[in-house]
Amino acid sequence: MIGSIRGKIILKTEKFLIVEASGVGYKISVSPDTLSNAKKTGEEISRWIHTHVREDSLDLYGFLDYSELEFFEM
């Protein structure tokens, strides 16, 4: 499981970020509030991550702080 990611933003859209960490770009779905707190493309960020694994996909959800992640997981 991926629990957190720290890396450089390489793409910022209305619904997700792509963060490059150690040469791998991770697509992270985020809320509008979390997205508004993201820095500019090219700057480093750190996010708490919920990894959701299904038979046909692996999705990452990003959160600003650990309490948001815990609430999401409830």
C-alpha atoms as a PDB file:
ATOM      1  CA  MET A   1       0.000   0.000   0.000  1.00  0.00           C
ATOM      2  CA  ILE A   2       1.071   3.546  -0.693  1.00  0.00           C
ATOM      3  CA  GLY A   3       0.535   5.644   2.458  1.00  0.00           C
ATOM      4  CA  SER A   4       2.124   8.934   1.470  1.00  0.00           C
ATOM      5  CA  ILE A   5       3.863  10.542  -1.482  1.00  0.00           C
ATOM      6  CA  ARG A   6       6.409  13.324  -1.650  1.00  0.00           C
ATOM      7  CA  GLY A   7       7.493  14.599  -5.017  1.00  0.00           C
ATOM      8  CA  LYS A   8       7.249  17.216  -7.728  1.00  0.00           C
ATOM      9  CA  ILE A   9       3.930  18.186  -9.337  1.00  0.00           C
ATOM     10  CA  ILE A  10       4.216  17.560 -13.066  1.00  0.00           C
ATOM     11  CA  LEU A  11       0.517  18.057 -13.936  1.00  0.00           C
ATOM     12  CA  LYS A  12      -2.371  19.762 -12.150  1.00  0.00           C
ATOM     13  CA  THR A  13      -5.952  19.404 -13.465  1.00  0.00           C
ATOM     14  CA  GLU A  14      -9.385  20.123 -12.001  1.00  0.00           C
ATOM     15  CA  LYS A  15      -9.689  16.626 -10.494  1.00  0.00           C
ATOM     16  CA  PHE A  16      -6.230  15.174  -9.995  1.00  0.00           C
ATOM     17  CA  LEU A  17      -2.512  15.761  -9.664  1.00  0.00           C
ATOM     18  CA  ILE A  18       0.321  13.815 -11.177  1.00  0.00           C
ATOM     19  CA  VAL A  19       3.231  13.770  -8.764  1.00  0.00           C
ATOM     20  CA  GLU A  20       6.615  12.434  -9.832  1.00  0.00           C
ATOM     21  CA  ALA A  21       8.471  10.600  -7.081  1.00  0.00           C
ATOM     22  CA  SER A  22      11.717   8.747  -7.846  1.00  0.00           C
ATOM     23  CA  GLY A  23      11.036   8.868 -11.582  1.00  0.00           C
ATOM     24  CA  VAL A  24       7.471   7.511 -11.402  1.00  0.00           C
ATOM     25  CA  GLY A  25       4.417   9.721 -12.038  1.00  0.00           C
ATOM     26  CA  TYR A  26       1.521   8.935  -9.693  1.00  0.00           C
ATOM     27  CA  LYS A  27      -2.020  10.063 -10.596  1.00  0.00           C
ATOM     28  CA  ILE A  28      -3.664  11.196  -7.362  1.00  0.00           C
ATOM     29  CA  SER A  29      -7.368  12.059  -7.191  1.00  0.00           C
ATOM     30  CA  VAL A  30      -7.987  14.965  -4.813  1.00  0.00           C
ATOM     31  CA  SER A  31     -10.861  17.087  -3.544  1.00  0.00           C
ATOM     32  CA  PRO A  32     -11.228  20.701  -4.753  1.00  0.00           C
ATOM     33  CA  ASP A  33     -10.006  21.912  -1.336  1.00  0.00           C
ATOM     34  CA  THR A  34      -6.897  19.741  -1.475  1.00  0.00           C
ATOM     35  CA  LEU A  35      -6.305  20.819  -5.067  1.00  0.00           C
ATOM     36  CA  SER A  36      -6.540  24.521  -4.171  1.00  0.00           C
ATOM     37  CA  ASN A  37      -3.773  23.995  -1.600  1.00  0.00           C
ATOM     38  CA  ALA A  38      -1.484  22.335  -4.143  1.00  0.00           C
ATOM     39  CA  LYS A  39       1.446  24.393  -5.288  1.00  0.00           C
ATOM     40  CA  LYS A  40       2.373  25.201  -8.872  1.00  0.00           C
ATOM     41  CA  THR A  41       3.601  22.679 -11.421  1.00  0.00           C
ATOM     42  CA  GLY A  42       7.262  21.936 -10.799  1.00  0.00           C
ATOM     43  CA  GLU A  43       7.119  22.467  -7.027  1.00  0.00           C
ATOM     44  CA  GLU A  44       7.432  19.722  -4.422  1.00  0.00           C
ATOM     45  CA  ILE A  45       4.472  18.602  -2.303  1.00  0.00           C
ATOM     46  CA  SER A  46       3.659  15.863   0.173  1.00  0.00           C
ATOM     47  CA  ARG A  47       0.261  14.176   0.538  1.00  0.00           C
ATOM     48  CA  TRP A  48      -1.260  11.399   2.640  1.00  0.00           C
ATOM     49  CA  ILE A  49      -2.561   8.654   0.334  1.00  0.00           C
ATOM     50  CA  HIS A  50      -5.388   6.129   0.412  1.00  0.00           C
ATOM     51  CA  THR A  51      -4.667   3.272  -2.016  1.00  0.00           C
ATOM     52  CA  HIS A  52      -7.808   1.642  -3.387  1.00  0.00           C
ATOM     53  CA  VAL A  53      -7.183  -1.700  -5.143  1.00  0.00           C
ATOM     54  CA  ARG A  54      -9.822  -3.435  -7.231  1.00  0.00           C
ATOM     55  CA  GLU A  55      -9.705  -6.261  -9.722  1.00  0.00           C
ATOM     56  CA  ASP A  56      -9.420  -3.856 -12.664  1.00  0.00           C
ATOM     57  CA  SER A  57      -7.797  -0.732 -11.175  1.00  0.00           C
ATOM     58  CA  LEU A  58      -5.513   0.788  -8.582  1.00  0.00           C
ATOM     59  CA  ASP A  59      -6.579   4.305  -7.506  1.00  0.00           C
ATOM     60  CA  LEU A  60      -4.805   6.812  -5.281  1.00  0.00           C
ATOM     61  CA  TYR A  61      -6.652   9.471  -3.264  1.00  0.00           C
ATOM     62  CA  GLY A  62      -4.668  12.336  -1.746  1.00  0.00           C
ATOM     63  CA  PHE A  63      -5.312  14.292   1.452  1.00  0.00           C
ATOM     64  CA  LEU A  64      -3.726  17.335   3.098  1.00  0.00           C
ATOM     65  CA  ASP A  65      -3.568  15.894   6.592  1.00  0.00           C
ATOM     66  CA  TYR A  66      -3.881  12.551   8.290  1.00  0.00           C
ATOM     67  CA  SER A  67      -7.245  13.318   9.946  1.00  0.00           C
ATOM     68  CA  GLU A  68      -8.847  13.792   6.488  1.00  0.00           C
ATOM     69  CA  LEU A  69      -7.455  10.420   5.427  1.00  0.00           C
ATOM     70  CA  GLU A  70      -8.830   8.726   8.560  1.00  0.00           C
ATOM     71  CA  PHE A  71     -12.270  10.255   7.969  1.00  0.00           C
ATOM     72  CA  PHE A  72     -12.253   9.086   4.351  1.00  0.00           C
ATOM     73  CA  GLU A  73     -11.347   5.556   5.392  1.00  0.00           C
ATOM     74  CA  MET A  74     -14.260   5.364   7.865  1.00  0.00           C
END
